[in-house]
PDB file of all heavy atoms in Angstrom:
ATOM      1  N   MET A   1     -10.673   0.494  -6.209  1.00  0.00           N
ATOM      2  CA  MET A   1      -9.513  -0.160  -5.618  1.00  0.00           C
ATOM      3  C   MET A   1      -8.343  -0.250  -6.551  1.00  0.00           C
ATOM      4  O   MET A   1      -7.117   0.000  -6.306  1.00  0.00           O
ATOM      5  CB  MET A   1      -9.919  -1.545  -5.096  1.00  0.00           C
ATOM      6  CG  MET A   1      -8.816  -2.433  -4.562  1.00  0.00           C
ATOM      7  SD  MET A   1      -8.209  -1.932  -2.923  1.00  0.00           S
ATOM      8  CE  MET A   1      -9.584  -2.545  -2.013  1.00  0.00           C
ATOM      9  N   VAL A   2      -8.596  -0.884  -7.838  1.00  0.00           N
ATOM     10  CA  VAL A   2      -7.588  -1.054  -8.756  1.00  0.00           C
ATOM     11  C   VAL A   2      -6.885   0.325  -9.084  1.00  0.00           C
ATOM     12  O   VAL A   2      -5.607   0.321  -9.212  1.00  0.00           O
ATOM     13  CB  VAL A   2      -8.168  -1.702 -10.089  1.00  0.00           C
ATOM     14  CG1 VAL A   2      -7.078  -1.722 -11.205  1.00  0.00           C
ATOM     15  CG2 VAL A   2      -8.624  -3.149  -9.730  1.00  0.00           C
ATOM     16  N   SER A   3      -7.630   1.318  -9.392  1.00  0.00           N
ATOM     17  CA  SER A   3      -7.088   2.656  -9.774  1.00  0.00           C
ATOM     18  C   SER A   3      -6.285   3.224  -8.683  1.00  0.00           C
ATOM     19  O   SER A   3      -5.273   3.902  -8.850  1.00  0.00           O
ATOM     20  CB  SER A   3      -8.170   3.524 -10.185  1.00  0.00           C
ATOM     21  OG  SER A   3      -9.107   3.791  -9.168  1.00  0.00           O
ATOM     22  N   ILE A   4      -6.719   2.946  -7.418  1.00  0.00           N
ATOM     23  CA  ILE A   4      -5.927   3.557  -6.282  1.00  0.00           C
ATOM     24  C   ILE A   4      -4.585   2.873  -6.159  1.00  0.00           C
ATOM     25  O   ILE A   4      -3.578   3.619  -6.019  1.00  0.00           O
ATOM     26  CB  ILE A   4      -6.777   3.321  -4.857  1.00  0.00           C
ATOM     27  CG1 ILE A   4      -8.069   4.175  -4.952  1.00  0.00           C
ATOM     28  CG2 ILE A   4      -5.957   3.688  -3.719  1.00  0.00           C
ATOM     29  CD1 ILE A   4      -8.958   3.948  -3.786  1.00  0.00           C
ATOM     30  N   PHE A   5      -4.539   1.582  -6.241  1.00  0.00           N
ATOM     31  CA  PHE A   5      -3.268   0.886  -6.138  1.00  0.00           C
ATOM     32  C   PHE A   5      -2.276   1.258  -7.280  1.00  0.00           C
ATOM     33  O   PHE A   5      -1.097   1.319  -7.145  1.00  0.00           O
ATOM     34  CB  PHE A   5      -3.480  -0.667  -5.999  1.00  0.00           C
ATOM     35  CG  PHE A   5      -3.696  -1.043  -4.635  1.00  0.00           C
ATOM     36  CD1 PHE A   5      -5.141  -1.219  -4.143  1.00  0.00           C
ATOM     37  CD2 PHE A   5      -2.823  -1.320  -3.748  1.00  0.00           C
ATOM     38  CE1 PHE A   5      -5.400  -1.690  -2.984  1.00  0.00           C
ATOM     39  CE2 PHE A   5      -3.044  -1.689  -2.409  1.00  0.00           C
ATOM     40  CZ  PHE A   5      -4.360  -1.871  -2.006  1.00  0.00           C
ATOM     41  N   LYS A   6      -2.923   1.331  -8.493  1.00  0.00           N
ATOM     42  CA  LYS A   6      -2.119   1.757  -9.628  1.00  0.00           C
ATOM     43  C   LYS A   6      -1.471   3.117  -9.484  1.00  0.00           C
ATOM     44  O   LYS A   6      -0.330   3.273  -9.765  1.00  0.00           O
ATOM     45  CB  LYS A   6      -2.927   1.705 -10.915  1.00  0.00           C
ATOM     46  CG  LYS A   6      -2.160   1.988 -12.178  1.00  0.00           C
ATOM     47  CD  LYS A   6      -3.138   1.832 -13.379  1.00  0.00           C
ATOM     48  CE  LYS A   6      -2.357   2.007 -14.656  1.00  0.00           C
ATOM     49  NZ  LYS A   6      -3.213   1.870 -15.860  1.00  0.00           N
ATOM     50  N   ALA A   7      -2.306   4.058  -8.986  1.00  0.00           N
ATOM     51  CA  ALA A   7      -1.713   5.348  -8.739  1.00  0.00           C
ATOM     52  C   ALA A   7      -0.669   5.502  -7.623  1.00  0.00           C
ATOM     53  O   ALA A   7       0.357   6.178  -7.800  1.00  0.00           O
ATOM     54  CB  ALA A   7      -2.885   6.265  -8.287  1.00  0.00           C
ATOM     55  N   VAL A   8      -0.862   4.701  -6.656  1.00  0.00           N
ATOM     56  CA  VAL A   8       0.175   4.621  -5.625  1.00  0.00           C
ATOM     57  C   VAL A   8       1.488   4.125  -6.103  1.00  0.00           C
ATOM     58  O   VAL A   8       2.517   4.531  -5.859  1.00  0.00           O
ATOM     59  CB  VAL A   8      -0.407   3.822  -4.347  1.00  0.00           C
ATOM     60  CG1 VAL A   8       0.808   3.418  -3.414  1.00  0.00           C
ATOM     61  CG2 VAL A   8      -1.482   4.449  -3.642  1.00  0.00           C
ATOM     62  N   LEU A   9       1.426   3.008  -6.728  1.00  0.00           N
ATOM     63  CA  LEU A   9       2.634   2.428  -7.378  1.00  0.00           C
ATOM     64  C   LEU A   9       3.337   3.252  -8.315  1.00  0.00           C
ATOM     65  O   LEU A   9       4.507   3.284  -8.366  1.00  0.00           O
ATOM     66  CB  LEU A   9       2.305   1.065  -8.158  1.00  0.00           C
ATOM     67  CG  LEU A   9       1.838  -0.138  -7.234  1.00  0.00           C
ATOM     68  CD1 LEU A   9       1.374  -1.230  -8.252  1.00  0.00           C
ATOM     69  CD2 LEU A   9       3.097  -0.672  -6.460  1.00  0.00           C
ATOM     70  N   ASN A  10       2.608   4.120  -9.102  1.00  0.00           N
ATOM     71  CA  ASN A  10       3.233   4.945 -10.126  1.00  0.00           C
ATOM     72  C   ASN A  10       3.683   6.350  -9.593  1.00  0.00           C
ATOM     73  O   ASN A  10       4.240   7.031 -10.351  1.00  0.00           O
ATOM     74  CB  ASN A  10       2.282   5.098 -11.231  1.00  0.00           C
ATOM     75  CG  ASN A  10       2.346   3.797 -12.242  1.00  0.00           C
ATOM     76  OD1 ASN A  10       3.185   3.627 -12.937  1.00  0.00           O
ATOM     77  ND2 ASN A  10       1.247   3.024 -12.081  1.00  0.00           N
ATOM     78  N   THR A  11       3.324   6.658  -8.343  1.00  0.00           N
ATOM     79  CA  THR A  11       3.576   7.978  -7.913  1.00  0.00           C
ATOM     80  C   THR A  11       4.437   8.023  -6.677  1.00  0.00           C
ATOM     81  O   THR A  11       5.184   8.976  -6.504  1.00  0.00           O
ATOM     82  CB  THR A  11       2.276   8.831  -7.630  1.00  0.00           C
ATOM     83  OG1 THR A  11       1.481   8.122  -6.651  1.00  0.00           O
ATOM     84  CG2 THR A  11       1.505   9.114  -8.871  1.00  0.00           C
ATOM     85  N   ILE A  12       4.432   7.105  -5.888  1.00  0.00           N
ATOM     86  CA  ILE A  12       5.203   7.045  -4.555  1.00  0.00           C
ATOM     87  C   ILE A  12       6.490   6.223  -4.721  1.00  0.00           C
ATOM     88  O   ILE A  12       6.354   5.080  -5.239  1.00  0.00           O
ATOM     89  CB  ILE A  12       4.418   6.476  -3.453  1.00  0.00           C
ATOM     90  CG1 ILE A  12       3.179   7.360  -3.382  1.00  0.00           C
ATOM     91  CG2 ILE A  12       5.237   6.494  -2.191  1.00  0.00           C
ATOM     92  CD1 ILE A  12       2.233   6.843  -2.194  1.00  0.00           C
ATOM     93  N   PRO A  13       7.693   6.812  -4.523  1.00  0.00           N
ATOM     94  CA  PRO A  13       8.968   6.082  -4.617  1.00  0.00           C
ATOM     95  C   PRO A  13       8.959   4.809  -3.789  1.00  0.00           C
ATOM     96  O   PRO A  13       8.404   4.679  -2.741  1.00  0.00           O
ATOM     97  CB  PRO A  13       9.955   7.006  -4.080  1.00  0.00           C
ATOM     98  CG  PRO A  13       9.361   8.395  -4.242  1.00  0.00           C
ATOM     99  CD  PRO A  13       7.841   8.237  -4.050  1.00  0.00           C
ATOM    100  N   ARG A  14       9.651   3.750  -4.388  1.00  0.00           N
ATOM    101  CA  ARG A  14       9.654   2.385  -3.807  1.00  0.00           C
ATOM    102  C   ARG A  14      10.074   2.366  -2.357  1.00  0.00           C
ATOM    103  O   ARG A  14       9.557   1.712  -1.433  1.00  0.00           O
ATOM    104  CB  ARG A  14      10.462   1.514  -4.663  1.00  0.00           C
ATOM    105  CG  ARG A  14      10.288  -0.010  -4.297  1.00  0.00           C
ATOM    106  CD  ARG A  14      11.195  -0.768  -5.190  1.00  0.00           C
ATOM    107  NE  ARG A  14      10.945  -0.592  -6.557  1.00  0.00           N
ATOM    108  CZ  ARG A  14      10.198  -1.328  -7.382  1.00  0.00           C
ATOM    109  NH1 ARG A  14       9.580  -2.305  -6.844  1.00  0.00           N
ATOM    110  NH2 ARG A  14      10.113  -1.096  -8.667  1.00  0.00           N
ATOM    111  N   PRO A  15      11.209   3.114  -1.882  1.00  0.00           N
ATOM    112  CA  PRO A  15      11.684   3.085  -0.548  1.00  0.00           C
ATOM    113  C   PRO A  15      10.654   3.593   0.362  1.00  0.00           C
ATOM    114  O   PRO A  15      10.451   3.035   1.509  1.00  0.00           O
ATOM    115  CB  PRO A  15      12.912   4.030  -0.619  1.00  0.00           C
ATOM    116  CG  PRO A  15      13.447   4.016  -2.008  1.00  0.00           C
ATOM    117  CD  PRO A  15      12.139   3.831  -2.881  1.00  0.00           C
ATOM    118  N   ILE A  16       9.831   4.580  -0.006  1.00  0.00           N
ATOM    119  CA  ILE A  16       8.741   5.138   0.906  1.00  0.00           C
ATOM    120  C   ILE A  16       7.592   4.046   0.975  1.00  0.00           C
ATOM    121  O   ILE A  16       7.049   3.859   2.014  1.00  0.00           O
ATOM    122  CB  ILE A  16       8.245   6.421   0.304  1.00  0.00           C
ATOM    123  CG1 ILE A  16       9.291   7.495   0.360  1.00  0.00           C
ATOM    124  CG2 ILE A  16       7.023   6.952   1.140  1.00  0.00           C
ATOM    125  CD1 ILE A  16       8.937   8.770  -0.171  1.00  0.00           C
ATOM    126  N   LEU A  17       7.298   3.413  -0.104  1.00  0.00           N
ATOM    127  CA  LEU A  17       6.258   2.395  -0.077  1.00  0.00           C
ATOM    128  C   LEU A  17       6.727   1.249   0.843  1.00  0.00           C
ATOM    129  O   LEU A  17       5.877   0.691   1.600  1.00  0.00           O
ATOM    130  CB  LEU A  17       6.055   1.764  -1.534  1.00  0.00           C
ATOM    131  CG  LEU A  17       5.286   2.610  -2.458  1.00  0.00           C
ATOM    132  CD1 LEU A  17       5.207   1.935  -3.833  1.00  0.00           C
ATOM    133  CD2 LEU A  17       3.833   2.828  -1.968  1.00  0.00           C
ATOM    134  N   ILE A  18       7.968   0.894   0.815  1.00  0.00           N
ATOM    135  CA  ILE A  18       8.423  -0.168   1.684  1.00  0.00           C
ATOM    136  C   ILE A  18       8.308   0.154   3.239  1.00  0.00           C
ATOM    137  O   ILE A  18       7.694  -0.620   4.028  1.00  0.00           O
ATOM    138  CB  ILE A  18       9.930  -0.499   1.408  1.00  0.00           C
ATOM    139  CG1 ILE A  18      10.026  -1.203   0.082  1.00  0.00           C
ATOM    140  CG2 ILE A  18      10.419  -1.443   2.560  1.00  0.00           C
ATOM    141  CD1 ILE A  18      11.445  -1.390  -0.254  1.00  0.00           C
ATOM    142  N   LYS A  19       8.620   1.423   3.561  1.00  0.00           N
ATOM    143  CA  LYS A  19       8.460   1.778   4.899  1.00  0.00           C
ATOM    144  C   LYS A  19       7.047   1.916   5.308  1.00  0.00           C
ATOM    145  O   LYS A  19       6.572   1.489   6.416  1.00  0.00           O
ATOM    146  CB  LYS A  19       9.129   3.206   5.149  1.00  0.00           C
ATOM    147  CG  LYS A  19      10.595   3.171   4.953  1.00  0.00           C
ATOM    148  CD  LYS A  19      11.275   4.588   5.179  1.00  0.00           C
ATOM    149  CE  LYS A  19      12.764   4.503   5.120  1.00  0.00           C
ATOM    150  NZ  LYS A  19      13.383   5.856   5.302  1.00  0.00           N
ATOM    151  N   ALA A  20       6.150   2.472   4.488  1.00  0.00           N
ATOM    152  CA  ALA A  20       4.716   2.591   4.742  1.00  0.00           C
ATOM    153  C   ALA A  20       3.959   1.326   4.909  1.00  0.00           C
ATOM    154  O   ALA A  20       2.976   1.273   5.736  1.00  0.00           O
ATOM    155  CB  ALA A  20       4.091   3.499   3.655  1.00  0.00           C
ATOM    156  N   SER A  21       4.464   0.329   4.208  1.00  0.00           N
ATOM    157  CA  SER A  21       3.750  -0.918   4.238  1.00  0.00           C
ATOM    158  C   SER A  21       3.718  -1.623   5.513  1.00  0.00           C
ATOM    159  O   SER A  21       2.765  -2.354   5.922  1.00  0.00           O
ATOM    160  CB  SER A  21       4.322  -1.897   3.161  1.00  0.00           C
ATOM    161  OG  SER A  21       5.736  -2.225   3.551  1.00  0.00           O
ATOM    162  N   TYR A  22       4.704  -1.369   6.402  1.00  0.00           N
ATOM    163  CA  TYR A  22       4.724  -1.942   7.753  1.00  0.00           C
ATOM    164  C   TYR A  22       3.620  -1.515   8.583  1.00  0.00           C
ATOM    165  O   TYR A  22       3.130  -2.206   9.450  1.00  0.00           O
ATOM    166  CB  TYR A  22       6.097  -1.653   8.417  1.00  0.00           C
ATOM    167  CG  TYR A  22       7.261  -2.510   7.925  1.00  0.00           C
ATOM    168  CD1 TYR A  22       8.120  -1.962   6.923  1.00  0.00           C
ATOM    169  CD2 TYR A  22       7.473  -3.794   8.379  1.00  0.00           C
ATOM    170  CE1 TYR A  22       9.165  -2.808   6.457  1.00  0.00           C
ATOM    171  CE2 TYR A  22       8.426  -4.585   7.823  1.00  0.00           C
ATOM    172  CZ  TYR A  22       9.410  -4.100   6.864  1.00  0.00           C
ATOM    173  OH  TYR A  22      10.325  -4.852   6.356  1.00  0.00           O
ATOM    174  N   TRP A  23       3.181  -0.289   8.237  1.00  0.00           N
ATOM    175  CA  TRP A  23       2.002   0.233   9.048  1.00  0.00           C
ATOM    176  C   TRP A  23       0.601  -0.138   8.445  1.00  0.00           C
ATOM    177  O   TRP A  23      -0.296  -0.391   9.202  1.00  0.00           O
ATOM    178  CB  TRP A  23       2.111   1.739   9.123  1.00  0.00           C
ATOM    179  CG  TRP A  23       3.282   2.258   9.837  1.00  0.00           C
ATOM    180  CD1 TRP A  23       4.494   2.654   9.295  1.00  0.00           C
ATOM    181  CD2 TRP A  23       3.473   2.466  11.222  1.00  0.00           C
ATOM    182  NE1 TRP A  23       5.382   3.058  10.166  1.00  0.00           N
ATOM    183  CE2 TRP A  23       4.768   2.952  11.429  1.00  0.00           C
ATOM    184  CE3 TRP A  23       2.601   2.412  12.331  1.00  0.00           C
ATOM    185  CZ2 TRP A  23       5.317   3.340  12.685  1.00  0.00           C
ATOM    186  CZ3 TRP A  23       3.135   2.655  13.612  1.00  0.00           C
ATOM    187  CH2 TRP A  23       4.401   3.083  13.812  1.00  0.00           C
ATOM    188  N   VAL A  24       0.593  -0.131   7.093  1.00  0.00           N
ATOM    189  CA  VAL A  24      -0.666  -0.412   6.428  1.00  0.00           C
ATOM    190  C   VAL A  24      -1.033  -1.868   6.394  1.00  0.00           C
ATOM    191  O   VAL A  24      -2.180  -2.259   6.427  1.00  0.00           O
ATOM    192  CB  VAL A  24      -0.612   0.192   4.994  1.00  0.00           C
ATOM    193  CG1 VAL A  24      -1.904  -0.108   4.257  1.00  0.00           C
ATOM    194  CG2 VAL A  24      -0.385   1.705   5.073  1.00  0.00           C
ATOM    195  N   ARG A  25      -0.064  -2.701   6.339  1.00  0.00           N
ATOM    196  CA  ARG A  25      -0.253  -4.146   5.970  1.00  0.00           C
ATOM    197  C   ARG A  25      -1.218  -4.794   7.063  1.00  0.00           C
ATOM    198  O   ARG A  25      -2.116  -5.541   6.569  1.00  0.00           O
ATOM    199  CB  ARG A  25       1.120  -4.949   5.921  1.00  0.00           C
ATOM    200  CG  ARG A  25       0.979  -6.361   5.705  1.00  0.00           C
ATOM    201  CD  ARG A  25       2.337  -6.962   5.472  1.00  0.00           C
ATOM    202  NE  ARG A  25       3.338  -6.655   6.530  1.00  0.00           N
ATOM    203  CZ  ARG A  25       4.639  -6.949   6.512  1.00  0.00           C
ATOM    204  NH1 ARG A  25       5.046  -7.640   5.472  1.00  0.00           N
ATOM    205  NH2 ARG A  25       5.376  -6.595   7.445  1.00  0.00           N
ATOM    206  N   PRO A  26      -1.060  -4.616   8.345  1.00  0.00           N
ATOM    207  CA  PRO A  26      -1.976  -5.330   9.271  1.00  0.00           C
ATOM    208  C   PRO A  26      -3.453  -4.885   9.153  1.00  0.00           C
ATOM    209  O   PRO A  26      -4.441  -5.669   9.312  1.00  0.00           O
ATOM    210  CB  PRO A  26      -1.439  -4.925  10.662  1.00  0.00           C
ATOM    211  CG  PRO A  26      -0.056  -4.496  10.401  1.00  0.00           C
ATOM    212  CD  PRO A  26      -0.010  -3.834   9.060  1.00  0.00           C
ATOM    213  N   VAL A  27      -3.627  -3.780   8.811  1.00  0.00           N
ATOM    214  CA  VAL A  27      -4.976  -3.214   8.649  1.00  0.00           C
ATOM    215  C   VAL A  27      -5.700  -3.851   7.396  1.00  0.00           C
ATOM    216  O   VAL A  27      -6.837  -4.412   7.499  1.00  0.00           O
ATOM    217  CB  VAL A  27      -5.080  -1.669   8.463  1.00  0.00           C
ATOM    218  CG1 VAL A  27      -6.550  -1.173   8.270  1.00  0.00           C
ATOM    219  CG2 VAL A  27      -4.511  -1.065   9.727  1.00  0.00           C
ATOM    220  N   ILE A  28      -4.985  -3.902   6.332  1.00  0.00           N
ATOM    221  CA  ILE A  28      -5.475  -4.505   5.101  1.00  0.00           C
ATOM    222  C   ILE A  28      -5.688  -5.961   5.268  1.00  0.00           C
ATOM    223  O   ILE A  28      -6.751  -6.568   4.773  1.00  0.00           O
ATOM    224  CB  ILE A  28      -4.478  -4.212   3.875  1.00  0.00           C
ATOM    225  CG1 ILE A  28      -4.556  -2.676   3.619  1.00  0.00           C
ATOM    226  CG2 ILE A  28      -5.134  -4.948   2.626  1.00  0.00           C
ATOM    227  CD1 ILE A  28      -3.621  -2.228   2.456  1.00  0.00           C
ATOM    228  N   ALA A  29      -4.810  -6.673   5.876  1.00  0.00           N
ATOM    229  CA  ALA A  29      -4.913  -8.064   6.123  1.00  0.00           C
ATOM    230  C   ALA A  29      -6.049  -8.398   6.967  1.00  0.00           C
ATOM    231  O   ALA A  29      -6.800  -9.411   6.646  1.00  0.00           O
ATOM    232  CB  ALA A  29      -3.640  -8.671   6.892  1.00  0.00           C
ATOM    233  N   TRP A  30      -6.457  -7.614   7.945  1.00  0.00           N
ATOM    234  CA  TRP A  30      -7.614  -7.846   8.829  1.00  0.00           C
ATOM    235  C   TRP A  30      -8.832  -7.564   7.944  1.00  0.00           C
ATOM    236  O   TRP A  30      -9.870  -8.345   8.011  1.00  0.00           O
ATOM    237  CB  TRP A  30      -7.611  -6.827   9.948  1.00  0.00           C
ATOM    238  CG  TRP A  30      -8.922  -6.851  10.730  1.00  0.00           C
ATOM    239  CD1 TRP A  30      -9.298  -7.720  11.640  1.00  0.00           C
ATOM    240  CD2 TRP A  30     -10.088  -5.945  10.580  1.00  0.00           C
ATOM    241  NE1 TRP A  30     -10.578  -7.406  12.069  1.00  0.00           N
ATOM    242  CE2 TRP A  30     -11.054  -6.368  11.376  1.00  0.00           C
ATOM    243  CE3 TRP A  30     -10.217  -4.810   9.753  1.00  0.00           C
ATOM    244  CZ2 TRP A  30     -12.320  -5.595  11.580  1.00  0.00           C
ATOM    245  CZ3 TRP A  30     -11.420  -4.140   9.852  1.00  0.00           C
ATOM    246  CH2 TRP A  30     -12.386  -4.596  10.783  1.00  0.00           C
ATOM    247  N   TRP A  31      -8.887  -6.612   7.190  1.00  0.00           N
ATOM    248  CA  TRP A  31     -10.011  -6.196   6.403  1.00  0.00           C
ATOM    249  C   TRP A  31     -10.329  -7.258   5.247  1.00  0.00           C
ATOM    250  O   TRP A  31     -11.507  -7.568   4.976  1.00  0.00           O
ATOM    251  CB  TRP A  31      -9.742  -4.858   5.625  1.00  0.00           C
ATOM    252  CG  TRP A  31     -10.805  -4.366   4.753  1.00  0.00           C
ATOM    253  CD1 TRP A  31     -12.083  -4.245   4.893  1.00  0.00           C
ATOM    254  CD2 TRP A  31     -10.571  -3.768   3.426  1.00  0.00           C
ATOM    255  NE1 TRP A  31     -12.783  -3.652   3.814  1.00  0.00           N
ATOM    256  CE2 TRP A  31     -11.843  -3.412   2.846  1.00  0.00           C
ATOM    257  CE3 TRP A  31      -9.397  -3.533   2.686  1.00  0.00           C
ATOM    258  CZ2 TRP A  31     -12.019  -2.863   1.590  1.00  0.00           C
ATOM    259  CZ3 TRP A  31      -9.628  -3.034   1.344  1.00  0.00           C
ATOM    260  CH2 TRP A  31     -10.832  -2.628   0.893  1.00  0.00           C
ATOM    261  N   LEU A  32      -9.353  -7.924   4.699  1.00  0.00           N
ATOM    262  CA  LEU A  32      -9.556  -8.958   3.640  1.00  0.00           C
ATOM    263  C   LEU A  32      -9.555 -10.381   4.146  1.00  0.00           C
ATOM    264  O   LEU A  32      -9.598 -11.339   3.306  1.00  0.00           O
ATOM    265  CB  LEU A  32      -8.470  -8.740   2.586  1.00  0.00           C
ATOM    266  CG  LEU A  32      -8.534  -7.389   1.770  1.00  0.00           C
ATOM    267  CD1 LEU A  32      -7.434  -7.352   0.790  1.00  0.00           C
ATOM    268  CD2 LEU A  32      -9.885  -7.301   1.016  1.00  0.00           C
ATOM    269  N   LYS A  33      -9.547 -10.620   5.442  1.00  0.00           N
ATOM    270  CA  LYS A  33      -9.545 -11.996   5.897  1.00  0.00           C
ATOM    271  C   LYS A  33     -10.723 -12.814   5.361  1.00  0.00           C
ATOM    272  O   LYS A  33     -11.888 -12.325   5.226  1.00  0.00           O
ATOM    273  CB  LYS A  33      -9.486 -12.033   7.435  1.00  0.00           C
ATOM    274  CG  LYS A  33     -10.669 -11.413   8.158  1.00  0.00           C
ATOM    275  CD  LYS A  33     -10.505 -11.520   9.628  1.00  0.00           C
ATOM    276  CE  LYS A  33     -11.634 -10.873  10.388  1.00  0.00           C
ATOM    277  NZ  LYS A  33     -11.463 -10.922  11.918  1.00  0.00           N
TER     278      LYS A  33
END
């Protein structure tokens, strides 16, 4: 998990991360409740 998030932060431009987060966020929130 840690290595995945580190790789994402260091390789994907911030504007793309912001847009993608709107789709990914609900799934992760449900998974970690």
